């Protein structure tokens, strides 16, 4: 039986823009510290806990799974009322071709029913859905 080789994925020169405006101050050589900065910013803005402070995602776990997270929250109401293009650019610094999945999440409010585990998403369009 052949043992699979584990490849380390590395993205460099990461940049995200929303409506033509860069979200990051400069392109990043994204590491665990950048991941922490972005997630901590999101936790502060949303009063949420994504598992960093509880130890669910530590540096060893991140380095072996390589999640890249960038908070693209737009602060003022006028910006939120208009749609914007989101652009992502980076350099694949890995020794192998990679596939990238990008998840963009938008919501004004989420309610989670703890009995059923269903999430209700409410947004400015009046759309409600239990999933």
C-alpha atoms as a PDB file:
ATOM      1  CA  UNK A   1       0.000   0.000   0.000  1.00  0.00           C
ATOM      2  CA  UNK A   2       1.326   3.391  -0.989  1.00  0.00           C
ATOM      3  CA  UNK A   3       1.381   6.085   1.692  1.00  0.00           C
ATOM      4  CA  UNK A   4      -0.023   9.395   0.388  1.00  0.00           C
ATOM      5  CA  UNK A   5       2.380  12.317   0.391  1.00  0.00           C
ATOM      6  CA  UNK A   6       1.100  15.315   2.313  1.00  0.00           C
ATOM      7  CA  UNK A   7       1.699  18.606   0.529  1.00  0.00           C
ATOM      8  CA  UNK A   8       1.957  21.898   2.359  1.00  0.00           C
ATOM      9  CA  UNK A   9      -0.279  24.504   0.756  1.00  0.00           C
ATOM     10  CA  UNK A  10       1.042  28.019   0.713  1.00  0.00           C
ATOM     11  CA  UNK A  11      -0.588  31.114  -0.755  1.00  0.00           C
ATOM     12  CA  UNK A  12       1.454  34.297  -1.003  1.00  0.00           C
ATOM     13  CA  UNK A  13       0.661  37.839  -2.140  1.00  0.00           C
ATOM     14  CA  UNK A  14      -2.907  37.501  -0.849  1.00  0.00           C
ATOM     15  CA  UNK A  15      -5.194  40.439  -1.532  1.00  0.00           C
ATOM     16  CA  UNK A  16      -8.963  40.864  -1.353  1.00  0.00           C
ATOM     17  CA  UNK A  17     -10.857  43.850  -2.673  1.00  0.00           C
ATOM     18  CA  UNK A  18     -14.496  44.854  -2.280  1.00  0.00           C
ATOM     19  CA  UNK A  19     -15.858  47.266  -4.863  1.00  0.00           C
ATOM     20  CA  UNK A  20     -12.339  47.996  -6.073  1.00  0.00           C
ATOM     21  CA  UNK A  21     -11.080  48.929  -2.588  1.00  0.00           C
ATOM     22  CA  UNK A  22      -8.388  46.741  -1.036  1.00  0.00           C
ATOM     23  CA  UNK A  23      -9.437  45.171   2.250  1.00  0.00           C
ATOM     24  CA  UNK A  24      -5.884  44.394   3.340  1.00  0.00           C
ATOM     25  CA  UNK A  25      -3.394  47.239   3.759  1.00  0.00           C
ATOM     26  CA  UNK A  26      -0.907  45.383   1.559  1.00  0.00           C
ATOM     27  CA  UNK A  27      -0.585  41.974  -0.056  1.00  0.00           C
ATOM     28  CA  UNK A  28       0.151  39.373   2.605  1.00  0.00           C
ATOM     29  CA  UNK A  29       2.509  36.491   2.960  1.00  0.00           C
ATOM     30  CA  UNK A  30      -0.398  35.016   4.954  1.00  0.00           C
ATOM     31  CA  UNK A  31       0.551  33.081   8.079  1.00  0.00           C
ATOM     32  CA  UNK A  32      -1.103  31.966  11.298  1.00  0.00           C
ATOM     33  CA  UNK A  33      -0.678  35.425  12.831  1.00  0.00           C
ATOM     34  CA  UNK A  34      -2.634  37.000   9.950  1.00  0.00           C
ATOM     35  CA  UNK A  35      -5.336  34.371  10.382  1.00  0.00           C
ATOM     36  CA  UNK A  36      -5.556  35.269  14.081  1.00  0.00           C
ATOM     37  CA  UNK A  37      -5.717  39.013  13.313  1.00  0.00           C
ATOM     38  CA  UNK A  38      -8.554  38.568  10.800  1.00  0.00           C
ATOM     39  CA  UNK A  39     -10.571  36.191  12.993  1.00  0.00           C
ATOM     40  CA  UNK A  40     -10.083  38.343  16.105  1.00  0.00           C
ATOM     41  CA  UNK A  41     -11.325  41.370  14.159  1.00  0.00           C
ATOM     42  CA  UNK A  42     -14.418  39.426  13.084  1.00  0.00           C
ATOM     43  CA  UNK A  43     -15.032  38.228  16.643  1.00  0.00           C
ATOM     44  CA  UNK A  44     -14.872  41.825  17.915  1.00  0.00           C
ATOM     45  CA  UNK A  45     -17.248  43.114  15.228  1.00  0.00           C
ATOM     46  CA  UNK A  46     -19.785  40.325  15.644  1.00  0.00           C
ATOM     47  CA  UNK A  47     -19.449  39.435  19.337  1.00  0.00           C
ATOM     48  CA  UNK A  48     -18.877  35.854  18.188  1.00  0.00           C
ATOM     49  CA  UNK A  49     -16.371  33.168  19.062  1.00  0.00           C
ATOM     50  CA  UNK A  50     -14.924  31.220  16.142  1.00  0.00           C
ATOM     51  CA  UNK A  51     -12.922  28.852  18.345  1.00  0.00           C
ATOM     52  CA  UNK A  52      -9.555  30.585  18.528  1.00  0.00           C
ATOM     53  CA  UNK A  53      -9.695  31.547  22.202  1.00  0.00           C
ATOM     54  CA  UNK A  54     -11.103  28.145  23.152  1.00  0.00           C
ATOM     55  CA  UNK A  55      -8.283  26.273  21.448  1.00  0.00           C
ATOM     56  CA  UNK A  56     -10.390  24.662  18.714  1.00  0.00           C
ATOM     57  CA  UNK A  57      -8.062  26.095  16.075  1.00  0.00           C
ATOM     58  CA  UNK A  58      -4.458  26.243  17.220  1.00  0.00           C
ATOM     59  CA  UNK A  59      -1.351  26.953  15.159  1.00  0.00           C
ATOM     60  CA  UNK A  60      -0.572  23.289  14.502  1.00  0.00           C
ATOM     61  CA  UNK A  61      -4.124  22.624  13.277  1.00  0.00           C
ATOM     62  CA  UNK A  62      -4.069  25.721  11.063  1.00  0.00           C
ATOM     63  CA  UNK A  63      -0.686  24.888   9.530  1.00  0.00           C
ATOM     64  CA  UNK A  64      -1.946  21.424   8.569  1.00  0.00           C
ATOM     65  CA  UNK A  65      -5.287  22.596   7.151  1.00  0.00           C
ATOM     66  CA  UNK A  66      -4.501  26.135   5.896  1.00  0.00           C
ATOM     67  CA  UNK A  67      -7.682  28.140   6.110  1.00  0.00           C
ATOM     68  CA  UNK A  68      -7.411  31.681   4.834  1.00  0.00           C
ATOM     69  CA  UNK A  69      -9.932  34.085   6.331  1.00  0.00           C
ATOM     70  CA  UNK A  70     -10.371  37.736   5.440  1.00  0.00           C
ATOM     71  CA  UNK A  71     -13.070  39.850   7.029  1.00  0.00           C
ATOM     72  CA  UNK A  72     -14.693  42.014   4.342  1.00  0.00           C
ATOM     73  CA  UNK A  73     -17.219  43.670   6.649  1.00  0.00           C
ATOM     74  CA  UNK A  74     -18.294  47.067   5.372  1.00  0.00           C
ATOM     75  CA  UNK A  75     -18.861  49.457   8.233  1.00  0.00           C
ATOM     76  CA  UNK A  76     -21.354  52.080   7.166  1.00  0.00           C
ATOM     77  CA  UNK A  77     -24.980  51.487   6.186  1.00  0.00           C
ATOM     78  CA  UNK A  78     -24.666  53.191   2.772  1.00  0.00           C
ATOM     79  CA  UNK A  79     -22.009  50.667   1.710  1.00  0.00           C
ATOM     80  CA  UNK A  80     -24.139  47.743   2.845  1.00  0.00           C
ATOM     81  CA  UNK A  81     -27.139  48.865   0.806  1.00  0.00           C
ATOM     82  CA  UNK A  82     -25.309  48.506  -2.511  1.00  0.00           C
ATOM     83  CA  UNK A  83     -23.847  45.343  -3.974  1.00  0.00           C
ATOM     84  CA  UNK A  84     -20.096  45.219  -4.525  1.00  0.00           C
ATOM     85  CA  UNK A  85     -17.767  42.938  -6.488  1.00  0.00           C
ATOM     86  CA  UNK A  86     -15.375  40.861  -4.417  1.00  0.00           C
ATOM     87  CA  UNK A  87     -12.007  40.044  -5.995  1.00  0.00           C
ATOM     88  CA  UNK A  88      -9.428  37.640  -4.640  1.00  0.00           C
ATOM     89  CA  UNK A  89      -5.848  37.395  -5.856  1.00  0.00           C
ATOM     90  CA  UNK A  90      -2.885  35.338  -4.658  1.00  0.00           C
ATOM     91  CA  UNK A  91       0.122  33.365  -5.818  1.00  0.00           C
ATOM     92  CA  UNK A  92       0.137  29.583  -5.399  1.00  0.00           C
ATOM     93  CA  UNK A  93       3.452  29.048  -3.603  1.00  0.00           C
ATOM     94  CA  UNK A  94       2.892  25.286  -3.348  1.00  0.00           C
ATOM     95  CA  UNK A  95       4.757  22.624  -5.289  1.00  0.00           C
ATOM     96  CA  UNK A  96       1.479  21.210  -6.629  1.00  0.00           C
ATOM     97  CA  UNK A  97      -1.630  22.522  -8.384  1.00  0.00           C
ATOM     98  CA  UNK A  98      -4.387  23.364  -5.899  1.00  0.00           C
ATOM     99  CA  UNK A  99      -8.128  23.851  -5.931  1.00  0.00           C
ATOM    100  CA  UNK A 100      -9.480  26.798  -4.003  1.00  0.00           C
ATOM    101  CA  UNK A 101     -12.951  27.057  -2.519  1.00  0.00           C
ATOM    102  CA  UNK A 102     -14.130  30.551  -1.636  1.00  0.00           C
ATOM    103  CA  UNK A 103     -17.064  31.050   0.698  1.00  0.00           C
ATOM    104  CA  UNK A 104     -18.684  34.451   0.921  1.00  0.00           C
ATOM    105  CA  UNK A 105     -21.224  34.798   3.680  1.00  0.00           C
ATOM    106  CA  UNK A 106     -23.682  37.647   3.940  1.00  0.00           C
ATOM    107  CA  UNK A 107     -26.273  38.091   6.617  1.00  0.00           C
ATOM    108  CA  UNK A 108     -27.605  40.762   8.876  1.00  0.00           C
ATOM    109  CA  UNK A 109     -28.820  38.344  11.527  1.00  0.00           C
ATOM    110  CA  UNK A 110     -28.738  34.630  12.232  1.00  0.00           C
ATOM    111  CA  UNK A 111     -30.877  32.826  14.795  1.00  0.00           C
ATOM    112  CA  UNK A 112     -29.914  29.265  15.716  1.00  0.00           C
ATOM    113  CA  UNK A 113     -32.523  26.979  17.245  1.00  0.00           C
ATOM    114  CA  UNK A 114     -30.483  25.018  19.793  1.00  0.00           C
ATOM    115  CA  UNK A 115     -33.082  22.243  19.988  1.00  0.00           C
ATOM    116  CA  UNK A 116     -33.146  21.455  16.275  1.00  0.00           C
ATOM    117  CA  UNK A 117     -29.812  22.901  15.154  1.00  0.00           C
ATOM    118  CA  UNK A 118     -31.565  24.849  12.383  1.00  0.00           C
ATOM    119  CA  UNK A 119     -30.316  28.319  11.485  1.00  0.00           C
ATOM    120  CA  UNK A 120     -32.679  31.105  10.440  1.00  0.00           C
ATOM    121  CA  UNK A 121     -31.070  33.778   8.269  1.00  0.00           C
ATOM    122  CA  UNK A 122     -32.707  37.223   8.138  1.00  0.00           C
ATOM    123  CA  UNK A 123     -31.317  39.934   5.908  1.00  0.00           C
ATOM    124  CA  UNK A 124     -32.220  43.329   4.518  1.00  0.00           C
ATOM    125  CA  UNK A 125     -34.170  41.753   1.662  1.00  0.00           C
ATOM    126  CA  UNK A 126     -36.717  40.268   4.061  1.00  0.00           C
ATOM    127  CA  UNK A 127     -35.590  36.756   3.160  1.00  0.00           C
ATOM    128  CA  UNK A 128     -35.975  34.129   5.838  1.00  0.00           C
ATOM    129  CA  UNK A 129     -34.908  30.539   5.570  1.00  0.00           C
ATOM    130  CA  UNK A 130     -34.443  27.760   8.051  1.00  0.00           C
ATOM    131  CA  UNK A 131     -31.624  25.426   7.054  1.00  0.00           C
END
